[in-house]
Amino acid sequence: MDTSSLAAQLGNGGDYTVWDMVAGADPVVKAVMAILLVASIWSWAVAIAGYLRIRAAERAADSFENRFWSGIALDDLYAEAKDRLAHPFETVFVAAMREWRRSAERGAAGAPMAELALEARLSKVMRVAITREIDHLTGQIGYLATLGSAAPFVGLFGTVWGIMNSFQDIALASNTSLAVVAPGIAEALLATAMGLVAAIPAVVAYNKLIGDLGRYTGRLEGFADEFSTVLARRASSS
């Protein structure tokens, strides 16, 4: 870091921009800034992709539930969905229907104990399907939490490193004037600022997406419970 040239620039009334801070920073601080910049861009990509994925799943759920409760025969709906599996609701529905059909083919319905065993199997099949689908829907959202917690400390490391070098340069120059001290410290503090810029949107996006995902999971589990009741009632009447 060339503190003498920066001091001369400030002394002549020149502008000291953010780009000047980045360009004049220590190589380690520059590397920290580059890492934070890439991490921030990736976090925005993850957040946008997660938001679009959850919104699409919610729209598909609305359409499927309207179709399910419209009075369509379950076998007809199964025939439509079994080879498509376009969203979690269809996947859970098809998984349960397959298990119910296997039980019907084996004649496992009618007796009270058989019905209880069928309900248990249906519940397990749908629970496994829900877990798998929610894991897929979650994607890389957990990355946002990692970035939100780690980015400020990465930026702080860059700041500490930059300030250490600034004080070394000050000692070598034997000059403690503000024009010599300020540029190096400003460059170092920029790393902390970038860490916060990367962390804050990531934390906000993570909380938003996790909340949406939790509501969607509750909705999917509610549908599974209702569908399990429908199938159990159907098994009792068969």
C-alpha atoms as a PDB file:
ATOM      1  CA  MET A   1       0.000   0.000   0.000  1.00  0.00           C
ATOM      2  CA  ASP A   2       1.547   3.345  -1.092  1.00  0.00           C
ATOM      3  CA  THR A   3       0.594   5.705   1.725  1.00  0.00           C
ATOM      4  CA  SER A   4       2.790   8.525   0.418  1.00  0.00           C
ATOM      5  CA  SER A   5       0.947   8.756  -2.901  1.00  0.00           C
ATOM      6  CA  LEU A   6      -2.418   8.595  -1.136  1.00  0.00           C
ATOM      7  CA  ALA A   7      -1.354  11.276   1.275  1.00  0.00           C
ATOM      8  CA  ALA A   8      -0.252  13.455  -1.622  1.00  0.00           C
ATOM      9  CA  GLN A   9      -3.571  12.892  -3.380  1.00  0.00           C
ATOM     10  CA  LEU A  10      -5.519  13.900  -0.280  1.00  0.00           C
ATOM     11  CA  GLY A  11      -3.270  16.840   0.341  1.00  0.00           C
ATOM     12  CA  ASN A  12      -3.902  18.136  -3.179  1.00  0.00           C
ATOM     13  CA  GLY A  13      -7.653  17.938  -2.637  1.00  0.00           C
ATOM     14  CA  GLY A  14      -8.136  14.919  -4.893  1.00  0.00           C
ATOM     15  CA  ASP A  15     -11.155  12.647  -4.616  1.00  0.00           C
ATOM     16  CA  TYR A  16     -10.614   9.397  -2.761  1.00  0.00           C
ATOM     17  CA  THR A  17     -13.250   7.024  -4.098  1.00  0.00           C
ATOM     18  CA  VAL A  18     -14.270   3.509  -3.119  1.00  0.00           C
ATOM     19  CA  TRP A  19     -12.415   2.223  -6.152  1.00  0.00           C
ATOM     20  CA  ASP A  20      -9.270   3.999  -4.895  1.00  0.00           C
ATOM     21  CA  MET A  21      -9.721   2.176  -1.579  1.00  0.00           C
ATOM     22  CA  VAL A  22     -10.011  -1.177  -3.329  1.00  0.00           C
ATOM     23  CA  ALA A  23      -7.078  -0.497  -5.648  1.00  0.00           C
ATOM     24  CA  GLY A  24      -4.851   0.638  -2.791  1.00  0.00           C
ATOM     25  CA  ALA A  25      -5.714  -2.175  -0.397  1.00  0.00           C
ATOM     26  CA  ASP A  26      -3.321  -4.901   0.690  1.00  0.00           C
ATOM     27  CA  PRO A  27      -3.434  -8.076  -1.503  1.00  0.00           C
ATOM     28  CA  VAL A  28      -4.908 -10.093   1.359  1.00  0.00           C
ATOM     29  CA  VAL A  29      -7.636  -7.482   1.880  1.00  0.00           C
ATOM     30  CA  LYS A  30      -8.314  -7.482  -1.861  1.00  0.00           C
ATOM     31  CA  ALA A  31      -8.697 -11.263  -1.757  1.00  0.00           C
ATOM     32  CA  VAL A  32     -11.160 -10.969   1.137  1.00  0.00           C
ATOM     33  CA  MET A  33     -13.164  -8.376  -0.782  1.00  0.00           C
ATOM     34  CA  ALA A  34     -13.217 -10.570  -3.884  1.00  0.00           C
ATOM     35  CA  ILE A  35     -14.432 -13.569  -1.874  1.00  0.00           C
ATOM     36  CA  LEU A  36     -17.179 -11.500  -0.275  1.00  0.00           C
ATOM     37  CA  LEU A  37     -18.247 -10.079  -3.636  1.00  0.00           C
ATOM     38  CA  VAL A  38     -18.528 -13.527  -5.220  1.00  0.00           C
ATOM     39  CA  ALA A  39     -20.323 -14.883  -2.149  1.00  0.00           C
ATOM     40  CA  SER A  40     -22.784 -11.986  -2.221  1.00  0.00           C
ATOM     41  CA  ILE A  41     -23.582 -12.475  -5.902  1.00  0.00           C
ATOM     42  CA  TRP A  42     -24.078 -16.195  -5.351  1.00  0.00           C
ATOM     43  CA  SER A  43     -26.354 -15.527  -2.365  1.00  0.00           C
ATOM     44  CA  TRP A  44     -28.586 -13.314  -4.513  1.00  0.00           C
ATOM     45  CA  ALA A  45     -28.774 -16.070  -7.118  1.00  0.00           C
ATOM     46  CA  VAL A  46     -29.700 -18.647  -4.453  1.00  0.00           C
ATOM     47  CA  ALA A  47     -32.308 -16.339  -2.912  1.00  0.00           C
ATOM     48  CA  ILE A  48     -33.967 -15.501  -6.230  1.00  0.00           C
ATOM     49  CA  ALA A  49     -33.963 -19.136  -7.367  1.00  0.00           C
ATOM     50  CA  GLY A  50     -35.407 -20.265  -4.023  1.00  0.00           C
ATOM     51  CA  TYR A  51     -38.133 -17.620  -4.130  1.00  0.00           C
ATOM     52  CA  LEU A  52     -39.161 -18.541  -7.672  1.00  0.00           C
ATOM     53  CA  ARG A  53     -39.093 -22.266  -6.837  1.00  0.00           C
ATOM     54  CA  ILE A  54     -41.365 -21.852  -3.799  1.00  0.00           C
ATOM     55  CA  ARG A  55     -43.764 -19.521  -5.637  1.00  0.00           C
ATOM     56  CA  ALA A  56     -44.049 -22.029  -8.484  1.00  0.00           C
ATOM     57  CA  ALA A  57     -44.718 -24.838  -5.983  1.00  0.00           C
ATOM     58  CA  GLU A  58     -47.443 -22.785  -4.296  1.00  0.00           C
ATOM     59  CA  ARG A  59     -49.175 -22.040  -7.607  1.00  0.00           C
ATOM     60  CA  ALA A  60     -49.014 -25.720  -8.545  1.00  0.00           C
ATOM     61  CA  ALA A  61     -50.434 -26.656  -5.131  1.00  0.00           C
ATOM     62  CA  ASP A  62     -53.373 -24.286  -5.634  1.00  0.00           C
ATOM     63  CA  SER A  63     -54.144 -25.841  -8.997  1.00  0.00           C
ATOM     64  CA  PHE A  64     -53.801 -29.408  -7.725  1.00  0.00           C
ATOM     65  CA  GLU A  65     -55.952 -28.897  -4.625  1.00  0.00           C
ATOM     66  CA  ASN A  66     -58.676 -27.282  -6.716  1.00  0.00           C
ATOM     67  CA  ARG A  67     -58.572 -30.319  -8.984  1.00  0.00           C
ATOM     68  CA  PHE A  68     -58.457 -32.758  -6.055  1.00  0.00           C
ATOM     69  CA  TRP A  69     -61.475 -31.262  -4.257  1.00  0.00           C
ATOM     70  CA  SER A  70     -63.460 -30.717  -7.455  1.00  0.00           C
ATOM     71  CA  GLY A  71     -64.980 -34.190  -7.163  1.00  0.00           C
ATOM     72  CA  ILE A  72     -62.781 -35.891  -9.753  1.00  0.00           C
ATOM     73  CA  ALA A  73     -62.352 -39.625  -9.262  1.00  0.00           C
ATOM     74  CA  LEU A  74     -59.095 -40.461  -7.477  1.00  0.00           C
ATOM     75  CA  ASP A  75     -58.229 -43.058 -10.106  1.00  0.00           C
ATOM     76  CA  ASP A  76     -58.616 -40.453 -12.865  1.00  0.00           C
ATOM     77  CA  LEU A  77     -56.458 -37.963 -11.004  1.00  0.00           C
ATOM     78  CA  TYR A  78     -53.887 -40.698 -10.379  1.00  0.00           C
ATOM     79  CA  ALA A  79     -53.807 -41.515 -14.097  1.00  0.00           C
ATOM     80  CA  GLU A  80     -53.094 -37.853 -14.847  1.00  0.00           C
ATOM     81  CA  ALA A  81     -50.376 -37.411 -12.253  1.00  0.00           C
ATOM     82  CA  LYS A  82     -48.527 -40.733 -12.003  1.00  0.00           C
ATOM     83  CA  ASP A  83     -46.123 -40.100 -14.903  1.00  0.00           C
ATOM     84  CA  ARG A  84     -45.831 -36.356 -14.403  1.00  0.00           C
ATOM     85  CA  LEU A  85     -44.920 -35.703 -10.747  1.00  0.00           C
ATOM     86  CA  ALA A  86     -44.461 -32.004 -11.464  1.00  0.00           C
ATOM     87  CA  HIS A  87     -44.625 -30.778  -7.857  1.00  0.00           C
ATOM     88  CA  PRO A  88     -44.647 -32.086  -4.248  1.00  0.00           C
ATOM     89  CA  PHE A  89     -48.432 -32.402  -3.958  1.00  0.00           C
ATOM     90  CA  GLU A  90     -48.563 -34.703  -6.963  1.00  0.00           C
ATOM     91  CA  THR A  91     -45.632 -36.732  -5.660  1.00  0.00           C
ATOM     92  CA  VAL A  92     -47.253 -37.265  -2.253  1.00  0.00           C
ATOM     93  CA  PHE A  93     -50.614 -38.074  -3.853  1.00  0.00           C
ATOM     94  CA  VAL A  94     -49.121 -40.604  -6.263  1.00  0.00           C
ATOM     95  CA  ALA A  95     -47.013 -42.262  -3.530  1.00  0.00           C
ATOM     96  CA  ALA A  96     -50.088 -42.769  -1.364  1.00  0.00           C
ATOM     97  CA  MET A  97     -52.250 -43.986  -4.242  1.00  0.00           C
ATOM     98  CA  ARG A  98     -49.639 -46.564  -5.248  1.00  0.00           C
ATOM     99  CA  GLU A  99     -49.495 -47.941  -1.712  1.00  0.00           C
ATOM    100  CA  TRP A 100     -53.274 -48.007  -1.458  1.00  0.00           C
ATOM    101  CA  ARG A 101     -53.562 -49.832  -4.795  1.00  0.00           C
ATOM    102  CA  ARG A 102     -50.982 -52.426  -3.739  1.00  0.00           C
ATOM    103  CA  SER A 103     -52.952 -53.064  -0.560  1.00  0.00           C
ATOM    104  CA  ALA A 104     -56.224 -53.309  -2.492  1.00  0.00           C
ATOM    105  CA  GLU A 105     -54.687 -55.811  -4.905  1.00  0.00           C
ATOM    106  CA  ARG A 106     -53.544 -57.948  -1.966  1.00  0.00           C
ATOM    107  CA  GLY A 107     -56.999 -57.672  -0.406  1.00  0.00           C
ATOM    108  CA  ALA A 108     -55.560 -55.968   2.675  1.00  0.00           C
ATOM    109  CA  ALA A 109     -58.627 -53.820   3.314  1.00  0.00           C
ATOM    110  CA  GLY A 110     -61.713 -54.614   5.359  1.00  0.00           C
ATOM    111  CA  ALA A 111     -60.484 -56.057   8.640  1.00  0.00           C
ATOM    112  CA  PRO A 112     -59.841 -53.485  11.419  1.00  0.00           C
ATOM    113  CA  MET A 113     -56.237 -54.566  11.937  1.00  0.00           C
ATOM    114  CA  ALA A 114     -55.600 -54.516   8.207  1.00  0.00           C
ATOM    115  CA  GLU A 115     -57.022 -51.004   7.990  1.00  0.00           C
ATOM    116  CA  LEU A 116     -54.792 -49.816  10.809  1.00  0.00           C
ATOM    117  CA  ALA A 117     -51.765 -51.330   9.091  1.00  0.00           C
ATOM    118  CA  LEU A 118     -52.795 -49.664   5.834  1.00  0.00           C
ATOM    119  CA  GLU A 119     -53.135 -46.263   7.511  1.00  0.00           C
ATOM    120  CA  ALA A 120     -49.691 -46.671   9.056  1.00  0.00           C
ATOM    121  CA  ARG A 121     -48.142 -47.563   5.713  1.00  0.00           C
ATOM    122  CA  LEU A 122     -49.868 -44.664   3.974  1.00  0.00           C
ATOM    123  CA  SER A 123     -48.663 -42.270   6.650  1.00  0.00           C
ATOM    124  CA  LYS A 124     -45.089 -43.541   6.367  1.00  0.00           C
ATOM    125  CA  VAL A 125     -45.086 -43.415   2.559  1.00  0.00           C
ATOM    126  CA  MET A 126     -46.383 -39.857   2.509  1.00  0.00           C
ATOM    127  CA  ARG A 127     -44.022 -38.728   5.262  1.00  0.00           C
ATOM    128  CA  VAL A 128     -41.027 -40.045   3.308  1.00  0.00           C
ATOM    129  CA  ALA A 129     -42.292 -38.371   0.137  1.00  0.00           C
ATOM    130  CA  ILE A 130     -42.809 -35.066   1.963  1.00  0.00           C
ATOM    131  CA  THR A 131     -39.295 -35.155   3.440  1.00  0.00           C
ATOM    132  CA  ARG A 132     -37.728 -35.880   0.063  1.00  0.00           C
ATOM    133  CA  GLU A 133     -39.733 -33.188  -1.728  1.00  0.00           C
ATOM    134  CA  ILE A 134     -39.084 -30.506   0.881  1.00  0.00           C
ATOM    135  CA  ASP A 135     -35.355 -31.284   0.786  1.00  0.00           C
ATOM    136  CA  HIS A 136     -35.453 -30.803  -2.969  1.00  0.00           C
ATOM    137  CA  LEU A 137     -37.476 -27.603  -2.635  1.00  0.00           C
ATOM    138  CA  THR A 138     -35.071 -26.225  -0.026  1.00  0.00           C
ATOM    139  CA  GLY A 139     -32.150 -26.464  -2.442  1.00  0.00           C
ATOM    140  CA  GLN A 140     -29.214 -24.327  -1.301  1.00  0.00           C
ATOM    141  CA  ILE A 141     -31.172 -22.030   0.993  1.00  0.00           C
ATOM    142  CA  GLY A 142     -28.968 -23.148   3.896  1.00  0.00           C
ATOM    143  CA  TYR A 143     -26.071 -21.396   2.141  1.00  0.00           C
ATOM    144  CA  LEU A 144     -27.726 -18.070   2.967  1.00  0.00           C
ATOM    145  CA  ALA A 145     -27.568 -18.804   6.692  1.00  0.00           C
ATOM    146  CA  THR A 146     -23.911 -19.790   6.410  1.00  0.00           C
ATOM    147  CA  LEU A 147     -23.058 -16.602   4.539  1.00  0.00           C
ATOM    148  CA  GLY A 148     -25.088 -14.468   6.918  1.00  0.00           C
ATOM    149  CA  SER A 149     -23.158 -15.752   9.924  1.00  0.00           C
ATOM    150  CA  ALA A 150     -19.698 -15.998   8.351  1.00  0.00           C
ATOM    151  CA  ALA A 151     -19.464 -12.929   6.081  1.00  0.00           C
ATOM    152  CA  PRO A 152     -19.074 -10.316   8.874  1.00  0.00           C
ATOM    153  CA  PHE A 153     -16.194 -12.289  10.382  1.00  0.00           C
ATOM    154  CA  VAL A 154     -14.511 -12.716   6.997  1.00  0.00           C
ATOM    155  CA  GLY A 155     -14.786  -8.970   6.480  1.00  0.00           C
ATOM    156  CA  LEU A 156     -13.475  -8.354   9.995  1.00  0.00           C
ATOM    157  CA  PHE A 157     -10.446 -10.520   9.228  1.00  0.00           C
ATOM    158  CA  GLY A 158      -9.723  -8.326   6.202  1.00  0.00           C
ATOM    159  CA  THR A 159     -10.100  -5.219   8.357  1.00  0.00           C
ATOM    160  CA  VAL A 160      -7.753  -6.469  11.063  1.00  0.00           C
ATOM    161  CA  TRP A 161      -5.182  -7.502   8.489  1.00  0.00           C
ATOM    162  CA  GLY A 162      -5.393  -4.147   6.698  1.00  0.00           C
ATOM    163  CA  ILE A 163      -5.084  -2.128   9.901  1.00  0.00           C
ATOM    164  CA  MET A 164      -2.051  -4.159  10.957  1.00  0.00           C
ATOM    165  CA  ASN A 165      -0.350  -3.344   7.658  1.00  0.00           C
ATOM    166  CA  SER A 166      -1.390   0.304   7.942  1.00  0.00           C
ATOM    167  CA  PHE A 167       0.294   0.643  11.315  1.00  0.00           C
ATOM    168  CA  GLN A 168       3.408  -1.038   9.949  1.00  0.00           C
ATOM    169  CA  ASP A 169       3.505   1.485   7.085  1.00  0.00           C
ATOM    170  CA  ILE A 170       2.973   4.338   9.546  1.00  0.00           C
ATOM    171  CA  ALA A 171       5.883   3.117  11.666  1.00  0.00           C
ATOM    172  CA  LEU A 172       8.152   2.871   8.635  1.00  0.00           C
ATOM    173  CA  ALA A 173       7.156   6.338   7.427  1.00  0.00           C
ATOM    174  CA  SER A 174       7.569   7.848  10.932  1.00  0.00           C
ATOM    175  CA  ASN A 175       4.545  10.001  10.153  1.00  0.00           C
ATOM    176  CA  THR A 176       1.299   9.863  12.138  1.00  0.00           C
ATOM    177  CA  SER A 177      -0.593  12.625  10.329  1.00  0.00           C
ATOM    178  CA  LEU A 178      -4.223  11.954   9.429  1.00  0.00           C
ATOM    179  CA  ALA A 179      -3.387  12.020   5.715  1.00  0.00           C
ATOM    180  CA  VAL A 180      -1.119   9.027   6.228  1.00  0.00           C
ATOM    181  CA  VAL A 181      -3.302   7.107   8.691  1.00  0.00           C
ATOM    182  CA  ALA A 182      -6.758   7.592   7.171  1.00  0.00           C
ATOM    183  CA  PRO A 183      -6.393   5.930   3.724  1.00  0.00           C
ATOM    184  CA  GLY A 184      -5.079   2.621   5.027  1.00  0.00           C
ATOM    185  CA  ILE A 185      -7.676   2.416   7.769  1.00  0.00           C
ATOM    186  CA  ALA A 186     -10.452   3.316   5.312  1.00  0.00           C
ATOM    187  CA  GLU A 187      -9.321   0.555   2.971  1.00  0.00           C
ATOM    188  CA  ALA A 188      -9.308  -1.930   5.824  1.00  0.00           C
ATOM    189  CA  LEU A 189     -12.746  -0.900   7.093  1.00  0.00           C
ATOM    190  CA  LEU A 190     -14.142  -1.353   3.599  1.00  0.00           C
ATOM    191  CA  ALA A 191     -13.702  -5.107   4.050  1.00  0.00           C
ATOM    192  CA  THR A 192     -15.996  -5.065   7.094  1.00  0.00           C
ATOM    193  CA  ALA A 193     -18.524  -2.980   5.179  1.00  0.00           C
ATOM    194  CA  MET A 194     -18.508  -5.503   2.346  1.00  0.00           C
ATOM    195  CA  GLY A 195     -18.983  -8.315   4.847  1.00  0.00           C
ATOM    196  CA  LEU A 196     -22.095  -6.610   6.187  1.00  0.00           C
ATOM    197  CA  VAL A 197     -23.375  -5.882   2.684  1.00  0.00           C
ATOM    198  CA  ALA A 198     -23.070  -9.585   1.890  1.00  0.00           C
ATOM    199  CA  ALA A 199     -24.498 -10.807   5.219  1.00  0.00           C
ATOM    200  CA  ILE A 200     -27.565  -8.604   5.744  1.00  0.00           C
ATOM    201  CA  PRO A 201     -29.446  -9.476   2.511  1.00  0.00           C
ATOM    202  CA  ALA A 202     -28.532 -13.145   2.984  1.00  0.00           C
ATOM    203  CA  VAL A 203     -30.026 -13.222   6.493  1.00  0.00           C
ATOM    204  CA  VAL A 204     -33.185 -11.388   5.399  1.00  0.00           C
ATOM    205  CA  ALA A 205     -33.633 -13.703   2.396  1.00  0.00           C
ATOM    206  CA  TYR A 206     -32.992 -16.807   4.517  1.00  0.00           C
ATOM    207  CA  ASN A 207     -35.615 -15.845   7.104  1.00  0.00           C
ATOM    208  CA  LYS A 208     -38.142 -15.022   4.392  1.00  0.00           C
ATOM    209  CA  LEU A 209     -37.586 -18.253   2.447  1.00  0.00           C
ATOM    210  CA  ILE A 210     -37.552 -20.465   5.543  1.00  0.00           C
ATOM    211  CA  GLY A 211     -40.835 -18.906   6.650  1.00  0.00           C
ATOM    212  CA  ASP A 212     -42.410 -19.520   3.234  1.00  0.00           C
ATOM    213  CA  LEU A 213     -41.031 -23.044   3.171  1.00  0.00           C
ATOM    214  CA  GLY A 214     -42.409 -23.763   6.640  1.00  0.00           C
ATOM    215  CA  ARG A 215     -45.887 -22.614   5.625  1.00  0.00           C
ATOM    216  CA  TYR A 216     -45.725 -24.699   2.470  1.00  0.00           C
ATOM    217  CA  THR A 217     -44.579 -27.751   4.444  1.00  0.00           C
ATOM    218  CA  GLY A 218     -47.474 -27.331   6.856  1.00  0.00           C
ATOM    219  CA  ARG A 219     -49.872 -27.087   3.947  1.00  0.00           C
ATOM    220  CA  LEU A 220     -48.434 -30.227   2.350  1.00  0.00           C
ATOM    221  CA  GLU A 221     -48.618 -32.159   5.628  1.00  0.00           C
ATOM    222  CA  GLY A 222     -52.223 -31.029   6.073  1.00  0.00           C
ATOM    223  CA  PHE A 223     -53.097 -32.330   2.630  1.00  0.00           C
ATOM    224  CA  ALA A 224     -51.385 -35.643   3.427  1.00  0.00           C
ATOM    225  CA  ASP A 225     -53.460 -36.026   6.604  1.00  0.00           C
ATOM    226  CA  GLU A 226     -56.681 -35.252   4.751  1.00  0.00           C
ATOM    227  CA  PHE A 227     -55.825 -37.607   1.912  1.00  0.00           C
ATOM    228  CA  SER A 228     -54.926 -40.374   4.356  1.00  0.00           C
ATOM    229  CA  THR A 229     -58.383 -39.982   5.901  1.00  0.00           C
ATOM    230  CA  VAL A 230     -60.021 -40.134   2.475  1.00  0.00           C
ATOM    231  CA  LEU A 231     -58.178 -43.340   1.589  1.00  0.00           C
ATOM    232  CA  ALA A 232     -58.913 -44.913   4.973  1.00  0.00           C
ATOM    233  CA  ARG A 233     -62.592 -44.138   4.525  1.00  0.00           C
ATOM    234  CA  ARG A 234     -62.473 -45.600   1.042  1.00  0.00           C
ATOM    235  CA  ALA A 235     -60.786 -48.764   2.343  1.00  0.00           C
ATOM    236  CA  SER A 236     -63.454 -49.172   5.016  1.00  0.00           C
ATOM    237  CA  SER A 237     -66.246 -48.982   2.469  1.00  0.00           C
ATOM    238  CA  SER A 238     -64.617 -51.413   0.032  1.00  0.00           C
END
